[in-house]
Protein backbone atom coordinates (compact mmCIF):
# COMPACT_ATOMS: atom_id res chain seq x y z
CA MET A 1 91.95 146.20 85.25
CA ARG A 2 92.17 146.37 88.10
CA ASP A 3 96.01 146.13 88.38
CA ILE A 4 95.75 148.59 86.01
CA TYR A 5 94.05 150.96 88.44
CA LYS A 6 96.12 149.93 91.05
CA LEU A 7 99.07 150.96 88.83
CA LYS A 8 97.96 153.88 88.14
CA ARG A 9 97.11 155.10 91.66
CA VAL A 10 100.53 154.18 93.06
CA VAL A 11 103.15 155.47 90.50
CA PRO A 12 101.78 159.70 91.04
CA VAL A 13 102.38 158.59 95.16
CA PHE A 14 105.83 157.05 94.09
CA ILE A 15 106.76 160.21 91.83
CA PHE A 16 105.98 162.47 94.80
CA ILE A 17 107.92 160.30 97.41
CA LEU A 18 110.69 159.60 94.82
CA PRO A 19 112.59 163.14 95.73
CA ALA A 20 112.50 162.95 99.19
CA VAL A 21 113.67 159.33 98.99
CA SER A 22 116.49 160.01 97.03
CA LEU A 23 117.57 163.32 99.46
CA VAL A 24 117.93 160.96 102.30
CA ILE A 25 119.34 158.01 100.53
CA ILE A 26 121.96 160.56 99.30
CA PHE A 27 122.68 162.51 102.30
CA VAL A 28 122.08 160.22 105.19
CA TYR A 29 123.19 156.59 103.83
CA ILE A 30 126.14 157.35 101.17
CA PHE A 31 127.62 160.13 103.04
CA SER A 32 127.39 158.32 106.24
CA GLY A 33 129.22 155.67 104.67
CA TRP A 34 131.62 157.68 103.21
CA SER A 35 132.17 159.51 106.39
CA ALA A 36 132.72 156.21 108.03
CA TRP A 37 135.39 155.13 105.14
CA ALA A 38 137.11 158.55 105.77
CA SER A 39 137.36 158.42 109.39
CA LEU A 40 139.42 155.13 108.51
CA THR A 41 142.17 157.31 106.55
CA ASN A 42 144.70 159.57 107.25
CA TRP A 43 142.96 162.16 105.31
CA ARG A 44 144.39 166.02 105.88
CA GLY A 45 143.49 168.02 102.68
CA ILE A 46 141.06 169.23 99.66
CA GLY A 47 142.90 167.42 96.55
CA HIS A 48 144.45 163.97 98.44
CA PHE A 49 141.93 161.39 99.94
CA GLY A 50 144.83 159.97 102.08
CA GLU A 51 145.84 156.65 102.76
CA PHE A 52 143.72 153.98 104.82
CA ALA A 53 145.36 153.77 108.28
CA GLY A 54 142.94 151.30 110.41
CA LEU A 55 141.54 152.56 113.68
CA ASN A 56 144.20 154.89 114.41
CA ASN A 57 142.27 157.78 113.93
CA TYR A 58 139.52 156.63 116.74
CA ILE A 59 142.69 154.68 119.13
CA LYS A 60 143.67 158.55 119.49
CA LEU A 61 140.37 159.87 119.93
CA PHE A 62 139.67 158.00 123.08
CA THR A 63 143.02 157.08 124.34
CA GLN A 64 145.08 160.56 123.59
CA ASP A 65 143.05 163.60 123.09
CA PRO A 66 141.61 165.03 126.24
CA ILE A 67 139.54 167.90 124.50
CA PHE A 68 137.50 165.23 123.13
CA LYS A 69 137.07 163.67 126.54
CA GLN A 70 136.09 167.60 127.72
CA CYS A 71 133.28 167.90 124.52
CA LEU A 72 131.77 164.21 125.51
CA ILE A 73 131.27 165.39 129.05
CA ASN A 74 130.10 168.97 128.06
CA THR A 75 127.62 167.22 125.69
CA ILE A 76 126.13 165.09 128.25
CA GLU A 77 125.74 167.62 131.14
CA LEU A 78 124.26 169.84 128.81
CA ALA A 79 121.78 167.25 128.06
CA LEU A 80 121.32 166.24 131.39
CA VAL A 81 120.36 169.69 132.25
CA PHE A 82 118.53 170.95 129.38
CA ILE A 83 116.17 167.61 129.30
CA GLY A 84 116.20 167.52 133.50
CA ILE A 85 114.44 170.61 133.04
CA THR A 86 112.50 170.87 129.86
CA ILE A 87 110.19 167.66 130.01
CA PRO A 88 109.16 168.64 134.14
CA LEU A 89 108.93 171.88 133.31
CA GLY A 90 106.67 171.26 129.80
CA LEU A 91 104.04 168.88 131.64
CA ILE A 92 103.75 171.39 134.72
CA ILE A 93 102.59 174.15 132.23
CA ALA A 94 100.97 171.59 130.18
CA ILE A 95 98.77 170.87 133.14
CA LEU A 96 97.83 174.26 134.24
CA LEU A 97 96.88 174.82 130.68
CA ASP A 98 94.67 171.93 130.74
CA LEU A 99 93.51 173.22 134.35
CA GLY A 100 92.56 176.60 132.63
CA ILE A 101 94.37 178.86 133.94
CA LYS A 102 93.59 182.56 133.41
CA GLY A 103 94.49 184.29 130.67
CA LYS A 104 95.05 180.54 128.91
CA SER A 105 95.39 181.86 125.39
CA ILE A 106 97.47 184.70 125.75
CA PHE A 107 99.98 182.64 127.82
CA ARG A 108 99.82 180.24 125.21
CA ALA A 109 100.86 182.11 122.38
CA VAL A 110 103.56 184.01 124.26
CA TYR A 111 104.83 180.47 125.88
CA LEU A 112 104.90 178.97 122.09
CA LEU A 113 107.00 182.01 120.90
CA PRO A 114 110.40 180.79 121.08
CA LEU A 115 109.57 177.81 118.89
CA SER A 116 109.09 180.55 115.98
CA PHE A 117 113.09 181.82 116.39
CA SER A 118 115.79 180.67 114.24
CA PHE A 119 118.76 179.68 116.62
CA VAL A 120 120.50 182.48 115.26
CA VAL A 121 117.72 184.84 116.17
CA SER A 122 117.92 183.24 119.70
CA ALA A 123 121.52 183.34 120.32
CA ALA A 124 121.67 186.88 119.11
CA ILE A 125 119.07 188.01 122.10
CA TRP A 126 120.62 185.97 124.50
CA THR A 127 123.87 186.67 124.02
CA TRP A 128 122.95 190.75 124.65
CA MET A 129 121.11 189.37 127.63
CA PHE A 130 123.89 187.79 128.95
CA ALA A 131 126.48 190.51 128.48
CA PRO A 132 128.51 191.21 131.56
CA THR A 133 129.08 194.55 130.89
CA ASN A 134 126.11 195.77 128.95
CA GLY A 135 123.76 193.29 128.80
CA ALA A 136 119.98 193.75 129.67
CA ILE A 137 120.41 190.89 133.13
CA ASN A 138 123.04 192.70 134.98
CA THR A 139 121.81 196.20 133.85
CA LEU A 140 118.63 195.56 135.19
CA LEU A 141 120.20 193.54 138.19
CA ARG A 142 122.38 197.23 138.47
CA ILE A 143 119.05 199.23 138.07
CA LEU A 144 117.53 197.43 141.22
CA ASN A 145 120.58 197.95 143.47
CA LEU A 146 121.57 194.27 143.05
CA ASP A 147 125.11 194.81 141.80
CA VAL A 148 126.26 191.41 143.83
CA LEU A 149 124.19 189.24 141.91
CA THR A 150 125.58 190.44 138.50
CA GLN A 151 127.32 187.40 136.75
CA PRO A 152 129.89 186.88 133.88
CA TRP A 153 127.48 184.69 132.47
CA ILE A 154 128.80 183.09 129.30
CA THR A 155 132.51 184.67 129.69
CA SER A 156 132.94 182.40 132.77
CA THR A 157 134.08 178.59 132.70
CA LYS A 158 131.76 177.80 135.29
CA GLN A 159 128.54 178.97 134.05
CA SER A 160 129.06 179.34 129.57
CA LEU A 161 127.52 175.81 129.52
CA PHE A 162 124.69 176.35 132.31
CA CYS A 163 123.73 179.63 130.40
CA ILE A 164 123.67 177.63 127.02
CA ALA A 165 121.50 175.25 128.61
CA LEU A 166 119.22 177.50 129.81
CA VAL A 167 118.83 179.23 126.32
CA TYR A 168 117.64 175.47 124.93
CA ILE A 169 115.10 175.41 127.54
CA TRP A 170 113.57 178.24 126.83
CA GLN A 171 113.48 177.54 123.07
CA PHE A 172 112.10 174.04 123.36
CA SER A 173 109.90 174.11 126.47
CA GLY A 174 107.27 175.12 124.41
CA PHE A 175 107.61 172.03 122.55
CA ALA A 176 107.27 170.01 125.16
CA THR A 177 104.34 171.12 126.30
CA LEU A 178 102.75 171.29 123.02
CA VAL A 179 103.31 167.27 123.22
CA TYR A 180 102.24 167.19 126.81
CA TYR A 181 99.07 169.23 126.08
CA ALA A 182 97.72 167.42 123.23
CA GLY A 183 98.68 163.83 125.24
CA ILE A 184 96.54 165.38 128.23
CA SER A 185 93.55 166.26 125.95
CA GLY A 186 93.73 163.03 124.53
CA VAL A 187 92.91 161.34 128.08
CA SER A 188 89.33 160.03 128.15
CA PRO A 189 87.17 162.14 129.94
CA ASN A 190 85.53 159.03 131.41
CA LEU A 191 88.51 158.34 133.24
CA SER A 192 88.76 162.33 135.03
CA GLU A 193 85.03 161.57 135.59
CA ALA A 194 84.93 158.29 137.28
CA ALA A 195 88.32 159.43 139.70
CA GLN A 196 86.20 163.04 140.95
CA ILE A 197 83.13 160.29 141.51
CA ASP A 198 85.44 158.14 143.66
CA GLY A 199 86.42 161.41 145.45
CA ALA A 200 89.74 162.08 144.30
CA SER A 201 91.35 165.74 144.19
CA THR A 202 92.84 167.20 141.65
CA PHE A 203 96.12 166.42 142.30
CA GLN A 204 94.92 163.22 142.80
CA LYS A 205 93.54 163.01 139.57
CA TYR A 206 96.66 164.22 137.46
CA TRP A 207 99.32 162.00 139.51
CA TYR A 208 97.55 158.80 139.80
CA ILE A 209 95.56 158.75 136.26
CA ILE A 210 96.68 161.18 133.43
CA VAL A 211 100.34 161.87 134.35
CA PRO A 212 101.01 157.78 133.80
CA LEU A 213 99.32 157.91 130.81
CA GLN A 214 101.72 160.19 129.33
CA LYS A 215 104.31 157.85 128.90
CA PRO A 216 104.19 157.84 125.07
CA ALA A 217 104.49 161.58 125.14
CA THR A 218 107.35 161.61 127.36
CA LEU A 219 109.16 158.81 124.93
CA THR A 220 108.53 161.26 121.74
CA VAL A 221 109.87 164.52 123.95
CA LEU A 222 112.59 162.43 125.30
CA THR A 223 113.97 161.13 122.00
CA ILE A 224 113.79 164.70 120.01
CA LEU A 225 115.41 166.21 123.23
CA LEU A 226 118.48 163.53 123.11
CA MET A 227 118.62 164.36 119.53
CA TYR A 228 119.05 167.83 119.67
CA SER A 229 121.64 168.14 122.71
CA LEU A 230 123.82 165.51 120.95
CA ARG A 231 123.87 167.71 117.60
CA VAL A 232 123.86 171.21 119.14
CA PHE A 233 126.10 173.08 117.36
CA ASP A 234 124.25 176.90 116.50
CA LEU A 235 123.83 178.10 119.91
CA VAL A 236 126.98 177.11 121.31
CA TRP A 237 128.89 178.65 118.31
CA LEU A 238 127.41 181.66 117.97
CA MET A 239 126.94 182.43 121.78
CA THR A 240 130.77 181.50 122.83
CA GLY A 241 132.40 179.48 120.13
CA GLY A 242 133.18 176.78 122.77
CA GLY A 243 134.51 178.98 125.41
CA PRO A 244 136.00 180.33 127.25
CA GLY A 245 138.48 177.64 126.93
CA TYR A 246 136.63 174.77 126.28
CA SER A 247 134.23 175.21 128.96
CA SER A 248 131.50 174.81 126.37
CA GLU A 249 133.04 173.16 124.09
CA VAL A 250 130.47 170.26 122.14
CA LEU A 251 131.16 167.18 120.03
CA ALA A 252 129.77 168.93 116.91
CA THR A 253 131.71 172.57 117.71
CA TYR A 254 134.75 170.18 118.34
CA MET A 255 134.39 168.38 114.78
CA TYR A 256 133.83 171.68 112.91
CA ARG A 257 137.12 173.38 114.61
CA VAL A 258 138.95 170.22 113.91
CA THR A 259 137.74 169.76 110.02
CA PHE A 260 137.84 172.86 108.99
CA ASN A 261 139.77 175.15 111.09
CA GLN A 262 142.96 172.24 111.72
CA ASN A 263 142.36 170.77 108.56
CA LEU A 264 142.01 167.21 109.69
CA PHE A 265 139.62 166.02 107.46
CA ALA A 266 139.72 162.07 108.49
CA TYR A 267 139.90 162.91 112.08
CA GLY A 268 137.06 165.22 111.93
CA ALA A 269 135.09 162.40 110.31
CA SER A 270 135.86 159.70 113.19
CA ILE A 271 134.41 162.54 115.40
CA GLY A 272 130.91 163.23 113.45
CA PHE A 273 130.56 159.06 112.80
CA PHE A 274 131.15 158.83 116.76
CA MET A 275 128.04 161.15 117.10
CA PHE A 276 126.12 159.18 114.32
CA VAL A 277 126.30 155.83 116.39
CA LEU A 278 125.30 157.81 119.35
CA SER A 279 122.50 158.89 117.46
CA ILE A 280 121.36 155.38 116.05
CA LEU A 281 122.11 154.20 119.56
CA ILE A 282 119.08 156.69 120.52
CA ILE A 283 116.75 156.09 117.82
CA ILE A 284 116.59 152.33 117.87
CA PRO A 285 115.25 152.11 121.36
CA PHE A 286 112.75 154.65 120.23
CA PHE A 287 111.22 153.09 117.38
CA SER A 288 111.80 149.47 118.92
CA THR A 289 109.51 150.58 121.91
CA VAL A 290 106.98 152.31 119.10
CA MET A 291 106.87 148.97 117.23
CA ARG A 292 106.32 147.02 120.20
CA ARG A 293 103.03 149.15 120.68
CA SER A 294 101.48 149.06 117.73
CA LYS A 295 101.24 145.48 117.46
């Protein structure tokens, strides 16, 4: 009877999770394996899968394709700027919220608002703001008689990638703030009280006690932001299309362009599988750290 009771409890749970597990298996593992195999062929069009070509696509990718190297550099630069600013900014704002700044509830609502926007909406807003002629930023500078500060923004080969990074910072700094604020709120009040009794200032309390305890939050934010940095596509494609030139082209947009604009399906698959491997290399340290902490 006990075994039948356990079975009755397990079966409904299994039925509920089965669709999600099936979708993950099909669209993640099976298609990833299929993409890996396709990258080893010379597939160039629909209807003809192509013949086995070994590592030719990967050899070409790393030795004969300067655009891929530029895209890889752009992706790394975007990740460094995006993560290097978002994490400290999120931590600082979370500390300000914990200190109880005036208008805390209104500020928190406004600051978290970008999280509710889709990438398409964000791209439309910021493309209009960055427009060099009629954009909001340059128009405001002209109204203030600061014409010397007007910039070409996303139409410049030197500034386009930084502009995209700025939009990502705007979109995800609220997420970083949310994670850090939850982490700070979870610190035992006894630690803060003990620090105050010992004569620690507010700065010392946060610098020596609260901030060092935010390593799990930092690891979570870092991993998620790295994943988004690696597969960034929407904002780049909608704001600049990878241009001017290849100044803002990243791995995801280059993969799309090669695959669907040039019909080099196998070559595009090799870029996609390379991105998949990078994702795995990011995820493994995160899960290994989590597993060590749970023991």
